[in-house]
Protein backbone atom coordinates (compact mmCIF):
# COMPACT_ATOMS: atom_id res chain seq x y z
CA MET A 1 -55.59 19.42 178.49
CA SER A 2 -57.67 19.02 175.35
CA ILE A 3 -58.48 15.60 173.94
CA ASP A 4 -56.45 16.56 170.88
CA ALA A 5 -53.29 16.95 173.12
CA TYR A 6 -52.89 13.07 173.64
CA GLN A 7 -50.67 11.33 171.15
CA ILE A 8 -50.07 7.58 170.54
CA ASP A 9 -46.39 7.95 171.42
CA ASP A 10 -47.32 9.28 174.88
CA GLN A 11 -48.68 5.76 175.86
CA PHE A 12 -45.04 4.38 175.26
CA THR A 13 -42.88 6.85 177.17
CA GLY A 14 -41.09 5.07 179.98
CA LYS A 15 -42.19 1.61 178.65
CA ASP A 16 -39.99 -1.25 177.49
CA PRO A 17 -39.47 -1.34 173.72
CA ILE A 18 -41.25 -4.70 173.58
CA VAL A 19 -44.59 -2.81 174.52
CA ARG A 20 -44.35 -0.89 171.21
CA SER A 21 -43.50 -4.05 169.26
CA ILE A 22 -46.67 -5.68 170.51
CA TYR A 23 -48.72 -2.60 169.61
CA ASN A 24 -47.28 -2.49 166.15
CA ARG A 25 -47.98 -6.22 165.43
CA LEU A 26 -51.56 -5.92 166.82
CA LEU A 27 -52.07 -2.72 164.67
CA ALA A 28 -50.66 -4.37 161.58
CA ALA A 29 -52.99 -7.43 162.05
CA LEU A 30 -56.00 -5.05 162.52
CA GLN A 31 -55.29 -2.97 159.48
CA GLU A 32 -55.51 -6.20 157.21
CA MET A 33 -59.18 -6.24 158.18
CA GLY A 34 -59.84 -2.68 157.08
CA PRO A 35 -59.63 0.95 158.35
CA VAL A 36 -58.68 1.33 162.00
CA ARG A 37 -58.95 4.54 163.92
CA GLU A 38 -56.36 5.05 166.78
CA GLU A 39 -58.01 7.33 169.25
CA PRO A 40 -55.24 8.06 172.01
CA LYS A 41 -56.65 8.87 175.49
CA LYS A 42 -54.92 9.88 178.67
CA THR A 43 -54.49 6.36 179.87
CA SER A 44 -55.31 4.24 176.75
CA ILE A 45 -55.68 4.01 173.04
CA HIS A 46 -59.14 3.18 171.80
CA LEU A 47 -59.27 1.21 168.48
CA ALA A 48 -62.32 1.92 166.30
CA ASN A 49 -63.93 0.98 163.06
CA LYS A 50 -67.37 2.46 162.81
CA SER A 51 -67.42 2.21 166.69
CA GLY A 52 -64.88 1.17 169.39
CA PHE A 53 -64.11 -2.58 169.22
CA ALA A 54 -60.97 -2.70 171.37
CA GLY A 55 -58.82 -0.84 173.75
CA VAL A 56 -54.96 -0.88 174.56
CA HIS A 57 -53.76 -0.27 178.10
CA THR A 58 -49.86 0.01 178.14
CA ARG A 59 -47.97 -1.14 181.15
CA ARG A 60 -44.20 -1.11 181.83
CA SER A 61 -43.37 -4.42 180.19
CA TYR A 62 -46.90 -5.73 178.62
CA LEU A 63 -50.11 -4.44 177.38
CA ILE A 64 -53.56 -5.10 178.22
CA LEU A 65 -55.93 -5.68 175.13
CA ASN A 66 -59.57 -5.15 176.02
CA ILE A 67 -61.82 -6.64 173.32
CA ARG A 68 -65.54 -5.74 173.08
CA THR A 69 -67.63 -8.60 171.98
CA ASP A 70 -71.24 -9.90 172.04
CA HIS A 71 -70.51 -13.13 173.89
CA ALA A 72 -68.04 -14.27 176.36
CA ILE A 73 -64.84 -15.84 175.32
CA ASP A 74 -64.08 -19.13 177.22
CA SER A 75 -60.28 -19.19 177.09
CA PRO A 76 -57.46 -19.27 179.67
CA ARG A 77 -55.86 -16.29 177.75
CA ILE A 78 -58.88 -14.08 179.04
CA VAL A 79 -57.59 -12.57 182.35
CA LYS A 80 -60.82 -10.78 182.93
CA SER A 81 -64.40 -10.80 181.48
CA GLU A 82 -67.24 -8.38 182.23
CA GLN A 83 -70.71 -8.34 180.88
CA VAL A 84 -71.51 -4.82 180.52
CA SER A 85 -74.95 -5.06 178.96
CA LYS A 86 -77.16 -7.74 177.57
CA SER A 87 -75.19 -8.27 174.54
CA ARG A 88 -71.84 -6.62 175.21
CA PHE A 89 -68.89 -8.03 177.00
CA HIS A 90 -65.35 -6.55 177.67
CA GLN A 91 -62.68 -9.30 177.69
CA GLU A 92 -59.00 -8.53 178.74
CA VAL A 93 -56.01 -10.26 177.40
CA ARG A 94 -52.52 -9.71 178.59
CA LEU A 95 -49.94 -9.53 175.91
CA GLU A 96 -46.28 -9.88 176.99
CA CYS A 97 -44.71 -10.48 173.55
CA PRO A 98 -45.57 -9.92 169.78
CA GLU A 99 -45.92 -13.62 169.26
CA GLN A 100 -49.10 -13.53 171.30
CA VAL A 101 -50.76 -11.62 168.51
CA ASP A 102 -51.59 -14.97 166.93
CA VAL A 103 -54.61 -16.57 164.83
CA GLU A 104 -56.66 -17.04 167.96
CA LEU A 105 -56.46 -13.40 169.08
CA VAL A 106 -56.78 -12.05 165.58
CA ASP A 107 -59.92 -14.12 165.20
CA TRP A 108 -61.26 -12.57 168.29
CA LEU A 109 -60.52 -9.24 166.97
CA ARG A 110 -62.12 -9.84 163.73
CA ALA A 111 -65.40 -10.56 165.24
CA ALA A 112 -65.13 -7.62 167.45
CA TYR A 113 -64.31 -5.47 164.43
CA ALA A 114 -67.36 -6.56 162.57
CA LEU A 115 -69.94 -5.82 165.37
């Protein structure tokens, strides 16, 4: 299968409708920052501006948002944090409802978007 064969909608097949609602709210918040490229992959959706700043992994009833930052985020909302290089971190947030796309999360994404 070629890379062009993957579609955004593929990520939501067989998932609860809430997962698409969370993604739509996330994307709307991101688009207020500027252009966002959605790059569907086999098991995820990469979100990019000039380069990738976040990734979305859909699950049956929630999604995992991976935010790429230049520092560790100290918050109980971060379910996993990994330093992948001297100045790059991957932070995972579990989103179970659209309301979790809040001011705090959008601030983290704004910083990632600007990197």
